[in-house]
């Protein structure tokens, strides 16, 4: 399959080229830092950003929304959103 954009450098603002389902865990980091997180079923995502710091609760996320966070962790404790997908 031809990719007209295959010779262009990937950017954080560019569309994702890979998606991986996330299983929230309180201590295990994500395998790779994503561009953003897709929320399949609305709720709250508790996550740590790639830059470090404390975990933050992103409440009131709607089903089908995209959380533009480059997360290092998606924690199980406090996360009620479902169908979370990392976008790379």
PDB file of N, CA and C in Angstrom:
ATOM      1  N   UNK A   1       0.848  -1.174   0.000  1.00  0.00           N
ATOM      2  CA  UNK A   1       0.000   0.000   0.000  1.00  0.00           C
ATOM      3  C   UNK A   1       0.892   1.234   0.000  1.00  0.00           C
ATOM      4  N   UNK A   2       0.628   2.167  -0.858  1.00  0.00           N
ATOM      5  CA  UNK A   2       1.402   3.401  -0.941  1.00  0.00           C
ATOM      6  C   UNK A   2       1.065   4.320   0.227  1.00  0.00           C
ATOM      7  N   UNK A   3       2.078   5.025   0.734  1.00  0.00           N
ATOM      8  CA  UNK A   3       1.900   6.002   1.802  1.00  0.00           C
ATOM      9  C   UNK A   3       2.491   7.318   1.321  1.00  0.00           C
ATOM     10  N   UNK A   4       1.629   8.237   0.935  1.00  0.00           N
ATOM     11  CA  UNK A   4       2.073   9.526   0.407  1.00  0.00           C
ATOM     12  C   UNK A   4       2.841  10.348   1.436  1.00  0.00           C
ATOM     13  N   UNK A   5       2.699  10.003   2.716  1.00  0.00           N
ATOM     14  CA  UNK A   5       3.364  10.754   3.768  1.00  0.00           C
ATOM     15  C   UNK A   5       4.499   9.962   4.414  1.00  0.00           C
ATOM     16  N   UNK A   6       4.846   8.835   3.843  1.00  0.00           N
ATOM     17  CA  UNK A   6       5.873   7.966   4.414  1.00  0.00           C
ATOM     18  C   UNK A   6       7.246   8.604   4.533  1.00  0.00           C
ATOM     19  N   UNK A   7       7.537   9.599   3.719  1.00  0.00           N
ATOM     20  CA  UNK A   7       8.849  10.257   3.760  1.00  0.00           C
ATOM     21  C   UNK A   7       8.876  11.487   4.653  1.00  0.00           C
ATOM     22  N   UNK A   8       7.767  11.768   5.331  1.00  0.00           N
ATOM     23  CA  UNK A   8       7.690  12.931   6.211  1.00  0.00           C
ATOM     24  C   UNK A   8       8.023  12.526   7.645  1.00  0.00           C
ATOM     25  N   UNK A   9       8.686  13.424   8.355  1.00  0.00           N
ATOM     26  CA  UNK A   9       9.012  13.170   9.758  1.00  0.00           C
ATOM     27  C   UNK A   9       7.729  13.152  10.592  1.00  0.00           C
ATOM     28  N   UNK A  10       7.661  12.233  11.541  1.00  0.00           N
ATOM     29  CA  UNK A  10       6.511  12.161  12.441  1.00  0.00           C
ATOM     30  C   UNK A  10       6.599  13.324  13.427  1.00  0.00           C
ATOM     31  N   UNK A  11       5.467  13.905  13.746  1.00  0.00           N
ATOM     32  CA  UNK A  11       5.361  15.008  14.696  1.00  0.00           C
ATOM     33  C   UNK A  11       4.311  14.650  15.739  1.00  0.00           C
ATOM     34  N   UNK A  12       4.405  15.262  16.914  1.00  0.00           N
ATOM     35  CA  UNK A  12       3.397  15.026  17.951  1.00  0.00           C
ATOM     36  C   UNK A  12       2.024  15.439  17.441  1.00  0.00           C
ATOM     37  N   UNK A  13       1.964  16.492  16.630  1.00  0.00           N
ATOM     38  CA  UNK A  13       0.686  16.988  16.123  1.00  0.00           C
ATOM     39  C   UNK A  13       0.180  16.217  14.901  1.00  0.00           C
ATOM     40  N   UNK A  14       0.989  15.318  14.361  1.00  0.00           N
ATOM     41  CA  UNK A  14       0.577  14.529  13.199  1.00  0.00           C
ATOM     42  C   UNK A  14      -0.390  13.425  13.631  1.00  0.00           C
ATOM     43  N   UNK A  15      -1.221  12.945  12.728  1.00  0.00           N
ATOM     44  CA  UNK A  15      -2.131  11.843  13.075  1.00  0.00           C
ATOM     45  C   UNK A  15      -1.350  10.610  13.544  1.00  0.00           C
ATOM     46  N   UNK A  16      -1.970   9.861  14.406  1.00  0.00           N
ATOM     47  CA  UNK A  16      -1.348   8.633  14.905  1.00  0.00           C
ATOM     48  C   UNK A  16      -1.211   7.614  13.779  1.00  0.00           C
ATOM     49  N   UNK A  17      -0.178   6.811  13.873  1.00  0.00           N
ATOM     50  CA  UNK A  17       0.029   5.743  12.892  1.00  0.00           C
ATOM     51  C   UNK A  17      -0.086   4.367  13.530  1.00  0.00           C
ATOM     52  N   UNK A  18      -0.261   4.342  14.859  1.00  0.00           N
ATOM     53  CA  UNK A  18      -0.343   3.076  15.587  1.00  0.00           C
ATOM     54  C   UNK A  18      -1.248   3.284  16.789  1.00  0.00           C
ATOM     55  N   UNK A  19      -1.993   2.263  17.157  1.00  0.00           N
ATOM     56  CA  UNK A  19      -2.881   2.319  18.321  1.00  0.00           C
ATOM     57  C   UNK A  19      -2.736   1.039  19.121  1.00  0.00           C
ATOM     58  N   UNK A  20      -2.701   1.179  20.452  1.00  0.00           N
ATOM     59  CA  UNK A  20      -2.525   0.028  21.342  1.00  0.00           C
ATOM     60  C   UNK A  20      -3.499   0.163  22.513  1.00  0.00           C
ATOM     61  N   UNK A  21      -4.251  -0.889  22.784  1.00  0.00           N
ATOM     62  CA  UNK A  21      -5.163  -0.888  23.935  1.00  0.00           C
ATOM     63  C   UNK A  21      -4.368  -0.781  25.226  1.00  0.00           C
ATOM     64  N   UNK A  22      -4.899  -0.005  26.170  1.00  0.00           N
ATOM     65  CA  UNK A  22      -4.245   0.227  27.458  1.00  0.00           C
ATOM     66  C   UNK A  22      -4.978  -0.531  28.557  1.00  0.00           C
ATOM     67  N   UNK A  23      -4.216  -1.215  29.391  1.00  0.00           N
ATOM     68  CA  UNK A  23      -4.756  -1.821  30.611  1.00  0.00           C
ATOM     69  C   UNK A  23      -4.181  -1.010  31.766  1.00  0.00           C
ATOM     70  N   UNK A  24      -5.009  -0.182  32.430  1.00  0.00           N
ATOM     71  CA  UNK A  24      -4.497   0.645  33.523  1.00  0.00           C
ATOM     72  C   UNK A  24      -3.836  -0.203  34.606  1.00  0.00           C
ATOM     73  N   UNK A  25      -2.739   0.321  35.152  1.00  0.00           N
ATOM     74  CA  UNK A  25      -1.994  -0.360  36.214  1.00  0.00           C
ATOM     75  C   UNK A  25      -1.353   0.701  37.089  1.00  0.00           C
ATOM     76  N   UNK A  26      -1.354   0.495  38.383  1.00  0.00           N
ATOM     77  CA  UNK A  26      -0.860   1.520  39.303  1.00  0.00           C
ATOM     78  C   UNK A  26       0.653   1.708  39.297  1.00  0.00           C
ATOM     79  N   UNK A  27       1.422   0.717  38.878  1.00  0.00           N
ATOM     80  CA  UNK A  27       2.881   0.861  38.926  1.00  0.00           C
ATOM     81  C   UNK A  27       3.585   0.639  37.591  1.00  0.00           C
ATOM     82  N   UNK A  28       2.991  -0.119  36.695  1.00  0.00           N
ATOM     83  CA  UNK A  28       3.647  -0.430  35.423  1.00  0.00           C
ATOM     84  C   UNK A  28       3.482   0.725  34.441  1.00  0.00           C
ATOM     85  N   UNK A  29       4.588   1.266  33.920  1.00  0.00           N
ATOM     86  CA  UNK A  29       4.477   2.341  32.932  1.00  0.00           C
ATOM     87  C   UNK A  29       4.025   1.797  31.578  1.00  0.00           C
ATOM     88  N   UNK A  30       3.561   2.693  30.731  1.00  0.00           N
ATOM     89  CA  UNK A  30       3.230   2.311  29.365  1.00  0.00           C
ATOM     90  C   UNK A  30       4.527   1.920  28.660  1.00  0.00           C
ATOM     91  N   UNK A  31       4.448   1.020  27.709  1.00  0.00           N
ATOM     92  CA  UNK A  31       5.644   0.544  27.003  1.00  0.00           C
ATOM     93  C   UNK A  31       6.313   1.674  26.228  1.00  0.00           C
ATOM     94  N   UNK A  32       5.528   2.561  25.638  1.00  0.00           N
ATOM     95  CA  UNK A  32       6.009   3.714  24.886  1.00  0.00           C
ATOM     96  C   UNK A  32       5.171   4.924  25.277  1.00  0.00           C
ATOM     97  N   UNK A  33       5.717   6.113  25.101  1.00  0.00           N
ATOM     98  CA  UNK A  33       4.987   7.345  25.398  1.00  0.00           C
ATOM     99  C   UNK A  33       4.093   7.668  24.188  1.00  0.00           C
ATOM    100  N   UNK A  34       2.775   7.703  24.372  1.00  0.00           N
ATOM    101  CA  UNK A  34       1.878   7.974  23.245  1.00  0.00           C
ATOM    102  C   UNK A  34       1.753   9.471  22.959  1.00  0.00           C
ATOM    103  N   UNK A  35       1.176   9.778  21.812  1.00  0.00           N
ATOM    104  CA  UNK A  35       0.845  11.159  21.466  1.00  0.00           C
ATOM    105  C   UNK A  35      -0.377  11.618  22.256  1.00  0.00           C
ATOM    106  N   UNK A  36      -1.307  10.701  22.470  1.00  0.00           N
ATOM    107  CA  UNK A  36      -2.575  11.019  23.122  1.00  0.00           C
ATOM    108  C   UNK A  36      -3.256   9.718  23.532  1.00  0.00           C
ATOM    109  N   UNK A  37      -4.341   9.851  24.294  1.00  0.00           N
ATOM    110  CA  UNK A  37      -5.151   8.705  24.709  1.00  0.00           C
ATOM    111  C   UNK A  37      -6.568   8.872  24.169  1.00  0.00           C
ATOM    112  N   UNK A  38      -7.109   7.808  23.574  1.00  0.00           N
ATOM    113  CA  UNK A  38      -8.493   7.779  23.122  1.00  0.00           C
ATOM    114  C   UNK A  38      -9.333   7.172  24.235  1.00  0.00           C
ATOM    115  N   UNK A  39     -10.487   7.761  24.511  1.00  0.00           N
ATOM    116  CA  UNK A  39     -11.396   7.293  25.560  1.00  0.00           C
ATOM    117  C   UNK A  39     -12.597   6.627  24.900  1.00  0.00           C
ATOM    118  N   UNK A  40     -12.696   5.312  25.025  1.00  0.00           N
ATOM    119  CA  UNK A  40     -13.819   4.594  24.429  1.00  0.00           C
ATOM    120  C   UNK A  40     -15.099   4.774  25.218  1.00  0.00           C
ATOM    121  N   UNK A  41     -15.025   4.562  26.521  1.00  0.00           N
ATOM    122  CA  UNK A  41     -16.168   4.731  27.416  1.00  0.00           C
ATOM    123  C   UNK A  41     -15.871   5.826  28.411  1.00  0.00           C
ATOM    124  N   UNK A  42     -16.722   6.811  28.486  1.00  0.00           N
ATOM    125  CA  UNK A  42     -16.482   8.002  29.296  1.00  0.00           C
ATOM    126  C   UNK A  42     -16.227   7.729  30.768  1.00  0.00           C
ATOM    127  N   UNK A  43     -15.628   8.713  31.418  1.00  0.00           N
ATOM    128  CA  UNK A  43     -15.325   8.609  32.842  1.00  0.00           C
ATOM    129  C   UNK A  43     -14.098   9.420  33.184  1.00  0.00           C
ATOM    130  N   UNK A  44     -13.309   8.881  34.095  1.00  0.00           N
ATOM    131  CA  UNK A  44     -12.100   9.542  34.585  1.00  0.00           C
ATOM    132  C   UNK A  44     -10.881   8.722  34.218  1.00  0.00           C
ATOM    133  N   UNK A  45      -9.811   9.408  33.813  1.00  0.00           N
ATOM    134  CA  UNK A  45      -8.510   8.763  33.629  1.00  0.00           C
ATOM    135  C   UNK A  45      -7.544   9.405  34.606  1.00  0.00           C
ATOM    136  N   UNK A  46      -6.874   8.575  35.395  1.00  0.00           N
ATOM    137  CA  UNK A  46      -5.826   9.050  36.285  1.00  0.00           C
ATOM    138  C   UNK A  46      -4.503   8.670  35.633  1.00  0.00           C
ATOM    139  N   UNK A  47      -3.676   9.686  35.361  1.00  0.00           N
ATOM    140  CA  UNK A  47      -2.451   9.442  34.603  1.00  0.00           C
ATOM    141  C   UNK A  47      -1.316  10.332  35.083  1.00  0.00           C
ATOM    142  N   UNK A  48      -0.104   9.904  34.742  1.00  0.00           N
ATOM    143  CA  UNK A  48       1.107  10.704  34.948  1.00  0.00           C
ATOM    144  C   UNK A  48       1.621  11.111  33.578  1.00  0.00           C
ATOM    145  N   UNK A  49       2.023  12.344  33.449  1.00  0.00           N
ATOM    146  CA  UNK A  49       2.588  12.817  32.201  1.00  0.00           C
ATOM    147  C   UNK A  49       4.005  12.322  32.017  1.00  0.00           C
ATOM    148  N   UNK A  50       4.467  12.324  30.780  1.00  0.00           N
ATOM    149  CA  UNK A  50       5.811  11.856  30.458  1.00  0.00           C
ATOM    150  C   UNK A  50       6.887  12.696  31.119  1.00  0.00           C
ATOM    151  N   UNK A  51       6.560  13.939  31.458  1.00  0.00           N
ATOM    152  CA  UNK A  51       7.534  14.819  32.091  1.00  0.00           C
ATOM    153  C   UNK A  51       7.700  14.595  33.580  1.00  0.00           C
ATOM    154  N   UNK A  52       6.969  13.635  34.128  1.00  0.00           N
ATOM    155  CA  UNK A  52       7.078  13.334  35.560  1.00  0.00           C
ATOM    156  C   UNK A  52       6.000  14.043  36.361  1.00  0.00           C
ATOM    157  N   UNK A  53       6.174  14.014  37.661  1.00  0.00           N
ATOM    158  CA  UNK A  53       5.213  14.654  38.550  1.00  0.00           C
ATOM    159  C   UNK A  53       4.172  13.683  39.063  1.00  0.00           C
ATOM    160  N   UNK A  54       3.243  14.242  39.809  1.00  0.00           N
ATOM    161  CA  UNK A  54       2.186  13.445  40.427  1.00  0.00           C
ATOM    162  C   UNK A  54       1.133  13.035  39.405  1.00  0.00           C
ATOM    163  N   UNK A  55       0.397  11.994  39.736  1.00  0.00           N
ATOM    164  CA  UNK A  55      -0.730  11.564  38.915  1.00  0.00           C
ATOM    165  C   UNK A  55      -1.848  12.593  39.039  1.00  0.00           C
ATOM    166  N   UNK A  56      -2.564  12.793  37.943  1.00  0.00           N
ATOM    167  CA  UNK A  56      -3.654  13.764  37.892  1.00  0.00           C
ATOM    168  C   UNK A  56      -4.897  13.056  37.371  1.00  0.00           C
ATOM    169  N   UNK A  57      -6.056  13.389  37.960  1.00  0.00           N
ATOM    170  CA  UNK A  57      -7.327  12.829  37.506  1.00  0.00           C
ATOM    171  C   UNK A  57      -7.945  13.750  36.465  1.00  0.00           C
ATOM    172  N   UNK A  58      -8.218  13.205  35.294  1.00  0.00           N
ATOM    173  CA  UNK A  58      -8.922  13.925  34.234  1.00  0.00           C
ATOM    174  C   UNK A  58     -10.358  13.420  34.265  1.00  0.00           C
ATOM    175  N   UNK A  59     -11.231  14.178  34.920  1.00  0.00           N
ATOM    176  CA  UNK A  59     -12.613  13.746  35.149  1.00  0.00           C
ATOM    177  C   UNK A  59     -13.537  14.270  34.060  1.00  0.00           C
ATOM    178  N   UNK A  60     -14.655  13.583  33.885  1.00  0.00           N
ATOM    179  CA  UNK A  60     -15.680  14.032  32.965  1.00  0.00           C
ATOM    180  C   UNK A  60     -15.339  13.849  31.502  1.00  0.00           C
ATOM    181  N   UNK A  61     -14.468  12.896  31.195  1.00  0.00           N
ATOM    182  CA  UNK A  61     -14.115  12.641  29.797  1.00  0.00           C
ATOM    183  C   UNK A  61     -15.274  11.943  29.100  1.00  0.00           C
ATOM    184  N   UNK A  62     -15.628  12.444  27.943  1.00  0.00           N
ATOM    185  CA  UNK A  62     -16.740  11.878  27.183  1.00  0.00           C
ATOM    186  C   UNK A  62     -16.280  10.684  26.362  1.00  0.00           C
ATOM    187  N   UNK A  63     -17.176   9.745  26.153  1.00  0.00           N
ATOM    188  CA  UNK A  63     -16.887   8.607  25.278  1.00  0.00           C
ATOM    189  C   UNK A  63     -16.544   9.140  23.894  1.00  0.00           C
ATOM    190  N   UNK A  64     -15.490   8.590  23.307  1.00  0.00           N
ATOM    191  CA  UNK A  64     -15.071   8.999  21.974  1.00  0.00           C
ATOM    192  C   UNK A  64     -14.145  10.197  21.947  1.00  0.00           C
ATOM    193  N   UNK A  65     -13.767  10.701  23.125  1.00  0.00           N
ATOM    194  CA  UNK A  65     -12.888  11.869  23.159  1.00  0.00           C
ATOM    195  C   UNK A  65     -11.421  11.458  23.140  1.00  0.00           C
ATOM    196  N   UNK A  66     -10.578  12.436  22.857  1.00  0.00           N
ATOM    197  CA  UNK A  66      -9.133  12.227  22.854  1.00  0.00           C
ATOM    198  C   UNK A  66      -8.523  13.121  23.913  1.00  0.00           C
ATOM    199  N   UNK A  67      -7.737  12.524  24.801  1.00  0.00           N
ATOM    200  CA  UNK A  67      -7.020  13.259  25.832  1.00  0.00           C
ATOM    201  C   UNK A  67      -5.609  13.509  25.304  1.00  0.00           C
ATOM    202  N   UNK A  68      -5.259  14.765  24.974  1.00  0.00           N
ATOM    203  CA  UNK A  68      -3.962  15.052  24.370  1.00  0.00           C
ATOM    204  C   UNK A  68      -2.847  15.111  25.424  1.00  0.00           C
ATOM    205  N   UNK A  69      -2.590  13.984  26.041  1.00  0.00           N
ATOM    206  CA  UNK A  69      -1.573  13.881  27.085  1.00  0.00           C
ATOM    207  C   UNK A  69      -0.546  12.848  26.684  1.00  0.00           C
ATOM    208  N   UNK A  70       0.720  13.207  26.731  1.00  0.00           N
ATOM    209  CA  UNK A  70       1.804  12.250  26.499  1.00  0.00           C
ATOM    210  C   UNK A  70       2.073  11.583  27.850  1.00  0.00           C
ATOM    211  N   UNK A  71       1.337  10.529  28.128  1.00  0.00           N
ATOM    212  CA  UNK A  71       1.333   9.874  29.441  1.00  0.00           C
ATOM    213  C   UNK A  71       2.430   8.826  29.560  1.00  0.00           C
ATOM    214  N   UNK A  72       2.984   8.723  30.764  1.00  0.00           N
ATOM    215  CA  UNK A  72       3.919   7.633  31.057  1.00  0.00           C
ATOM    216  C   UNK A  72       3.206   6.488  31.762  1.00  0.00           C
ATOM    217  N   UNK A  73       2.138   6.814  32.507  1.00  0.00           N
ATOM    218  CA  UNK A  73       1.360   5.830  33.261  1.00  0.00           C
ATOM    219  C   UNK A  73      -0.127   6.152  33.138  1.00  0.00           C
ATOM    220  N   UNK A  74      -0.958   5.125  33.076  1.00  0.00           N
ATOM    221  CA  UNK A  74      -2.401   5.244  33.255  1.00  0.00           C
ATOM    222  C   UNK A  74      -2.713   4.349  34.447  1.00  0.00           C
ATOM    223  N   UNK A  75      -3.107   4.976  35.544  1.00  0.00           N
ATOM    224  CA  UNK A  75      -3.305   4.243  36.788  1.00  0.00           C
ATOM    225  C   UNK A  75      -4.667   3.571  36.859  1.00  0.00           C
ATOM    226  N   UNK A  76      -4.702   2.402  37.497  1.00  0.00           N
ATOM    227  CA  UNK A  76      -5.958   1.680  37.692  1.00  0.00           C
ATOM    228  C   UNK A  76      -6.802   2.355  38.774  1.00  0.00           C
ATOM    229  N   UNK A  77      -6.139   2.792  39.853  1.00  0.00           N
ATOM    230  CA  UNK A  77      -6.852   3.419  40.957  1.00  0.00           C
ATOM    231  C   UNK A  77      -7.409   4.764  40.508  1.00  0.00           C
ATOM    232  N   UNK A  78      -8.708   4.883  40.539  1.00  0.00           N
ATOM    233  CA  UNK A  78      -9.373   6.124  40.181  1.00  0.00           C
ATOM    234  C   UNK A  78      -9.799   6.215  38.731  1.00  0.00           C
ATOM    235  N   UNK A  79      -9.263   5.357  37.871  1.00  0.00           N
ATOM    236  CA  UNK A  79      -9.648   5.381  36.468  1.00  0.00           C
ATOM    237  C   UNK A  79     -10.954   4.625  36.287  1.00  0.00           C
ATOM    238  N   UNK A  80     -11.968   5.328  35.758  1.00  0.00           N
ATOM    239  CA  UNK A  80     -13.268   4.710  35.512  1.00  0.00           C
ATOM    240  C   UNK A  80     -13.584   4.638  34.020  1.00  0.00           C
ATOM    241  N   UNK A  81     -12.861   5.387  33.214  1.00  0.00           N
ATOM    242  CA  UNK A  81     -13.062   5.337  31.762  1.00  0.00           C
ATOM    243  C   UNK A  81     -12.666   3.951  31.263  1.00  0.00           C
ATOM    244  N   UNK A  82     -13.277   3.528  30.181  1.00  0.00           N
ATOM    245  CA  UNK A  82     -12.999   2.214  29.615  1.00  0.00           C
ATOM    246  C   UNK A  82     -12.581   2.356  28.154  1.00  0.00           C
ATOM    247  N   UNK A  83     -12.089   1.279  27.598  1.00  0.00           N
ATOM    248  CA  UNK A  83     -11.704   1.292  26.194  1.00  0.00           C
ATOM    249  C   UNK A  83     -10.628   2.312  25.894  1.00  0.00           C
ATOM    250  N   UNK A  84      -9.643   2.428  26.780  1.00  0.00           N
ATOM    251  CA  UNK A  84      -8.578   3.424  26.608  1.00  0.00           C
ATOM    252  C   UNK A  84      -7.562   2.881  25.604  1.00  0.00           C
ATOM    253  N   UNK A  85      -7.232   3.714  24.621  1.00  0.00           N
ATOM    254  CA  UNK A  85      -6.296   3.324  23.567  1.00  0.00           C
ATOM    255  C   UNK A  85      -5.204   4.378  23.455  1.00  0.00           C
ATOM    256  N   UNK A  86      -3.952   3.938  23.490  1.00  0.00           N
ATOM    257  CA  UNK A  86      -2.820   4.853  23.293  1.00  0.00           C
ATOM    258  C   UNK A  86      -2.645   5.071  21.802  1.00  0.00           C
ATOM    259  N   UNK A  87      -2.486   6.319  21.407  1.00  0.00           N
ATOM    260  CA  UNK A  87      -2.282   6.685  20.009  1.00  0.00           C
ATOM    261  C   UNK A  87      -0.835   7.102  19.809  1.00  0.00           C
ATOM    262  N   UNK A  88      -0.149   6.424  18.886  1.00  0.00           N
ATOM    263  CA  UNK A  88       1.281   6.686  18.631  1.00  0.00           C
ATOM    264  C   UNK A  88       1.481   7.255  17.257  1.00  0.00           C
TER     265      UNK A  88
END
